[in-house]
Amino acid sequence: MTEHTSGRSREIARHANHGRRFSRAWWIFAAVALFYLLTEHQAHLFGILPWLFLLACPVMHLFMHHGHGGHGHGDNRGNEKEEK
């Protein structure tokens, strides 16, 4: 029974090591691919940059109005102080 248990633990350890090697290889591949994308397609990336800034404006508008309830729905605490 102990041989079966130790064989199973070796199999699990080998499988875990395979996952780590795959993850490490994937990250190395991603870094190399990103390097080549940045160096070979730099003009394309910088050409789209102004459009990304313009796209960021409406996206920020949508997400940043979440905290105060949108346009015209400001905090009413200021009005309560004025009435007193």
N, C-alpha and C. Protein backbone atom coordinates (compact mmCIF):
# COMPACT_ATOMS: atom_id res chain seq x y z
N MET A 1 0.81 -1.18 0.00
CA MET A 1 0.00 0.00 0.00
C MET A 1 0.87 1.26 0.00
N THR A 2 2.00 1.25 0.68
CA THR A 2 2.85 2.42 0.71
C THR A 2 3.50 2.67 -0.65
N GLU A 3 3.78 1.60 -1.43
CA GLU A 3 4.36 1.79 -2.76
C GLU A 3 3.34 2.48 -3.67
N HIS A 4 2.08 2.08 -3.55
CA HIS A 4 1.03 2.69 -4.36
C HIS A 4 0.86 4.16 -3.99
N THR A 5 0.91 4.46 -2.71
CA THR A 5 0.76 5.83 -2.24
C THR A 5 1.94 6.67 -2.70
N SER A 6 3.16 6.17 -2.59
CA SER A 6 4.32 6.94 -3.00
C SER A 6 4.35 7.12 -4.52
N GLY A 7 3.88 6.12 -5.26
CA GLY A 7 3.80 6.26 -6.71
C GLY A 7 2.79 7.32 -7.11
N ARG A 8 1.69 7.36 -6.39
CA ARG A 8 0.66 8.37 -6.67
C ARG A 8 1.18 9.78 -6.34
N SER A 9 1.91 9.92 -5.23
CA SER A 9 2.44 11.23 -4.87
C SER A 9 3.49 11.69 -5.88
N ARG A 10 4.29 10.75 -6.41
CA ARG A 10 5.25 11.11 -7.46
C ARG A 10 4.53 11.58 -8.72
N GLU A 11 3.43 10.94 -9.03
CA GLU A 11 2.65 11.33 -10.21
C GLU A 11 2.06 12.73 -10.04
N ILE A 12 1.56 13.01 -8.86
CA ILE A 12 1.01 14.33 -8.57
C ILE A 12 2.10 15.39 -8.63
N ALA A 13 3.28 15.10 -8.07
CA ALA A 13 4.38 16.05 -8.08
C ALA A 13 4.86 16.29 -9.51
N ARG A 14 4.90 15.24 -10.33
CA ARG A 14 5.31 15.39 -11.72
C ARG A 14 4.31 16.25 -12.49
N HIS A 15 3.03 16.04 -12.21
CA HIS A 15 2.00 16.82 -12.88
C HIS A 15 2.09 18.30 -12.47
N ALA A 16 2.35 18.58 -11.20
CA ALA A 16 2.48 19.96 -10.72
C ALA A 16 3.70 20.62 -11.36
N ASN A 17 4.79 19.87 -11.49
CA ASN A 17 6.01 20.41 -12.10
C ASN A 17 5.75 20.72 -13.57
N HIS A 18 4.99 19.87 -14.25
CA HIS A 18 4.65 20.11 -15.65
C HIS A 18 3.86 21.42 -15.79
N GLY A 19 2.93 21.66 -14.87
CA GLY A 19 2.14 22.90 -14.91
C GLY A 19 3.01 24.12 -14.71
N ARG A 20 3.98 24.05 -13.81
CA ARG A 20 4.88 25.18 -13.58
C ARG A 20 5.74 25.45 -14.81
N ARG A 21 6.25 24.37 -15.44
CA ARG A 21 7.06 24.55 -16.63
C ARG A 21 6.24 25.16 -17.76
N PHE A 22 5.01 24.70 -17.91
CA PHE A 22 4.13 25.25 -18.95
C PHE A 22 3.86 26.72 -18.69
N SER A 23 3.60 27.09 -17.46
CA SER A 23 3.33 28.49 -17.11
C SER A 23 4.55 29.36 -17.38
N ARG A 24 5.70 28.88 -16.99
CA ARG A 24 6.94 29.63 -17.21
C ARG A 24 7.19 29.80 -18.71
N ALA A 25 6.99 28.75 -19.49
CA ALA A 25 7.20 28.82 -20.94
C ALA A 25 6.18 29.78 -21.57
N TRP A 26 4.95 29.77 -21.09
CA TRP A 26 3.95 30.67 -21.65
C TRP A 26 4.31 32.12 -21.39
N TRP A 27 4.79 32.44 -20.18
CA TRP A 27 5.16 33.82 -19.87
C TRP A 27 6.38 34.27 -20.68
N ILE A 28 7.32 33.37 -20.91
CA ILE A 28 8.47 33.72 -21.75
C ILE A 28 8.01 33.99 -23.18
N PHE A 29 7.14 33.13 -23.70
CA PHE A 29 6.60 33.34 -25.04
C PHE A 29 5.86 34.67 -25.12
N ALA A 30 5.05 35.00 -24.12
CA ALA A 30 4.30 36.24 -24.11
C ALA A 30 5.24 37.45 -24.08
N ALA A 31 6.31 37.38 -23.31
CA ALA A 31 7.27 38.48 -23.24
C ALA A 31 7.97 38.69 -24.58
N VAL A 32 8.37 37.60 -25.23
CA VAL A 32 9.03 37.70 -26.53
C VAL A 32 8.05 38.26 -27.57
N ALA A 33 6.81 37.78 -27.56
CA ALA A 33 5.81 38.27 -28.51
C ALA A 33 5.54 39.76 -28.28
N LEU A 34 5.44 40.18 -27.04
CA LEU A 34 5.21 41.60 -26.74
C LEU A 34 6.39 42.45 -27.21
N PHE A 35 7.60 41.95 -27.00
CA PHE A 35 8.80 42.67 -27.46
C PHE A 35 8.75 42.88 -28.97
N TYR A 36 8.46 41.82 -29.72
CA TYR A 36 8.41 41.95 -31.17
C TYR A 36 7.24 42.82 -31.63
N LEU A 37 6.12 42.76 -30.95
CA LEU A 37 5.01 43.63 -31.31
C LEU A 37 5.37 45.09 -31.10
N LEU A 38 6.04 45.38 -29.99
CA LEU A 38 6.42 46.77 -29.71
C LEU A 38 7.49 47.28 -30.66
N THR A 39 8.45 46.44 -31.02
CA THR A 39 9.53 46.91 -31.88
C THR A 39 9.14 46.94 -33.35
N GLU A 40 8.41 45.96 -33.84
CA GLU A 40 8.09 45.89 -35.26
C GLU A 40 6.85 46.70 -35.63
N HIS A 41 5.92 46.89 -34.71
CA HIS A 41 4.68 47.57 -35.02
C HIS A 41 4.52 48.86 -34.21
N GLN A 42 5.62 49.50 -33.92
CA GLN A 42 5.61 50.70 -33.10
C GLN A 42 4.81 51.82 -33.75
N ALA A 43 4.94 51.98 -35.06
CA ALA A 43 4.21 53.04 -35.76
C ALA A 43 2.71 52.82 -35.66
N HIS A 44 2.27 51.57 -35.77
CA HIS A 44 0.84 51.28 -35.67
C HIS A 44 0.32 51.55 -34.26
N LEU A 45 1.10 51.17 -33.26
CA LEU A 45 0.68 51.38 -31.89
C LEU A 45 0.61 52.87 -31.54
N PHE A 46 1.60 53.63 -31.98
CA PHE A 46 1.57 55.07 -31.69
C PHE A 46 0.52 55.79 -32.53
N GLY A 47 0.17 55.23 -33.68
CA GLY A 47 -0.87 55.83 -34.51
C GLY A 47 -2.25 55.69 -33.90
N ILE A 48 -2.47 54.65 -33.14
CA ILE A 48 -3.79 54.43 -32.53
C ILE A 48 -3.90 55.09 -31.16
N LEU A 49 -2.79 55.54 -30.61
CA LEU A 49 -2.78 56.12 -29.27
C LEU A 49 -3.73 57.31 -29.10
N PRO A 50 -3.80 58.27 -30.02
CA PRO A 50 -4.76 59.38 -29.84
C PRO A 50 -6.21 58.90 -29.80
N TRP A 51 -6.52 57.87 -30.59
CA TRP A 51 -7.89 57.35 -30.59
C TRP A 51 -8.20 56.66 -29.27
N LEU A 52 -7.21 56.05 -28.66
CA LEU A 52 -7.43 55.42 -27.35
C LEU A 52 -7.70 56.47 -26.28
N PHE A 53 -7.03 57.62 -26.37
CA PHE A 53 -7.32 58.71 -25.42
C PHE A 53 -8.74 59.22 -25.61
N LEU A 54 -9.17 59.36 -26.87
CA LEU A 54 -10.54 59.80 -27.12
C LEU A 54 -11.56 58.78 -26.63
N LEU A 55 -11.25 57.51 -26.76
CA LEU A 55 -12.14 56.46 -26.27
C LEU A 55 -12.18 56.45 -24.75
N ALA A 56 -11.09 56.84 -24.12
CA ALA A 56 -11.04 56.85 -22.65
C ALA A 56 -11.99 57.88 -22.06
N CYS A 57 -12.27 58.96 -22.79
CA CYS A 57 -13.15 60.00 -22.25
C CYS A 57 -14.56 59.50 -21.95
N PRO A 58 -15.28 58.90 -22.90
CA PRO A 58 -16.62 58.40 -22.56
C PRO A 58 -16.60 57.25 -21.57
N VAL A 59 -15.57 56.43 -21.62
CA VAL A 59 -15.48 55.32 -20.68
C VAL A 59 -15.30 55.85 -19.26
N MET A 60 -14.43 56.84 -19.09
CA MET A 60 -14.26 57.43 -17.76
C MET A 60 -15.52 58.14 -17.32
N HIS A 61 -16.23 58.77 -18.25
CA HIS A 61 -17.48 59.44 -17.92
C HIS A 61 -18.49 58.44 -17.37
N LEU A 62 -18.58 57.28 -17.98
CA LEU A 62 -19.53 56.27 -17.50
C LEU A 62 -19.17 55.75 -16.12
N PHE A 63 -17.90 55.47 -15.91
CA PHE A 63 -17.50 54.85 -14.65
C PHE A 63 -17.31 55.84 -13.51
N MET A 64 -16.99 57.07 -13.80
CA MET A 64 -16.70 58.02 -12.73
C MET A 64 -17.95 58.68 -12.19
N HIS A 65 -19.07 58.62 -12.91
CA HIS A 65 -20.31 59.18 -12.40
C HIS A 65 -21.04 58.19 -11.50
N HIS A 66 -20.48 57.04 -11.29
CA HIS A 66 -21.12 56.02 -10.45
C HIS A 66 -21.22 56.47 -9.01
N GLY A 67 -20.26 57.23 -8.54
CA GLY A 67 -20.21 57.58 -7.13
C GLY A 67 -21.21 58.62 -6.68
N HIS A 68 -21.64 59.53 -7.55
CA HIS A 68 -22.51 60.61 -7.07
C HIS A 68 -23.89 60.59 -7.72
N GLY A 69 -24.26 59.56 -8.43
CA GLY A 69 -25.62 59.42 -8.92
C GLY A 69 -25.89 60.04 -10.27
N GLY A 70 -24.92 60.51 -10.99
CA GLY A 70 -25.13 61.03 -12.33
C GLY A 70 -25.33 62.54 -12.34
N HIS A 71 -25.76 63.04 -13.49
CA HIS A 71 -25.94 64.49 -13.67
C HIS A 71 -27.18 64.98 -12.93
N GLY A 72 -27.06 66.09 -12.26
CA GLY A 72 -28.20 66.72 -11.61
C GLY A 72 -28.72 66.02 -10.38
N HIS A 73 -28.08 64.98 -9.94
CA HIS A 73 -28.52 64.24 -8.75
C HIS A 73 -27.45 64.35 -7.68
N GLY A 74 -27.03 65.53 -7.39
CA GLY A 74 -25.95 65.75 -6.44
C GLY A 74 -26.37 65.40 -5.02
N ASP A 75 -25.45 65.57 -4.13
CA ASP A 75 -25.68 65.25 -2.72
C ASP A 75 -26.60 66.30 -2.11
N ASN A 76 -27.62 65.91 -1.40
CA ASN A 76 -28.60 66.83 -0.81
C ASN A 76 -28.19 67.33 0.57
N ARG A 77 -27.06 66.90 1.07
CA ARG A 77 -26.65 67.33 2.40
C ARG A 77 -26.38 68.83 2.45
N GLY A 78 -25.90 69.41 1.35
CA GLY A 78 -25.65 70.84 1.31
C GLY A 78 -26.94 71.64 1.42
N ASN A 79 -28.02 71.16 0.83
CA ASN A 79 -29.31 71.84 0.89
C ASN A 79 -29.91 71.81 2.29
N GLU A 80 -29.70 70.73 3.02
CA GLU A 80 -30.23 70.62 4.38
C GLU A 80 -29.55 71.64 5.29
N LYS A 81 -28.29 71.89 5.11
CA LYS A 81 -27.57 72.82 5.96
C LYS A 81 -28.05 74.25 5.69
N GLU A 82 -28.35 74.54 4.42
CA GLU A 82 -28.80 75.89 4.07
C GLU A 82 -30.19 76.18 4.64
N GLU A 83 -31.06 75.16 4.73
CA GLU A 83 -32.42 75.35 5.20
C GLU A 83 -32.48 75.61 6.69
N LYS A 84 -31.52 75.12 7.43
CA LYS A 84 -31.55 75.24 8.90
C LYS A 84 -31.23 76.60 9.31
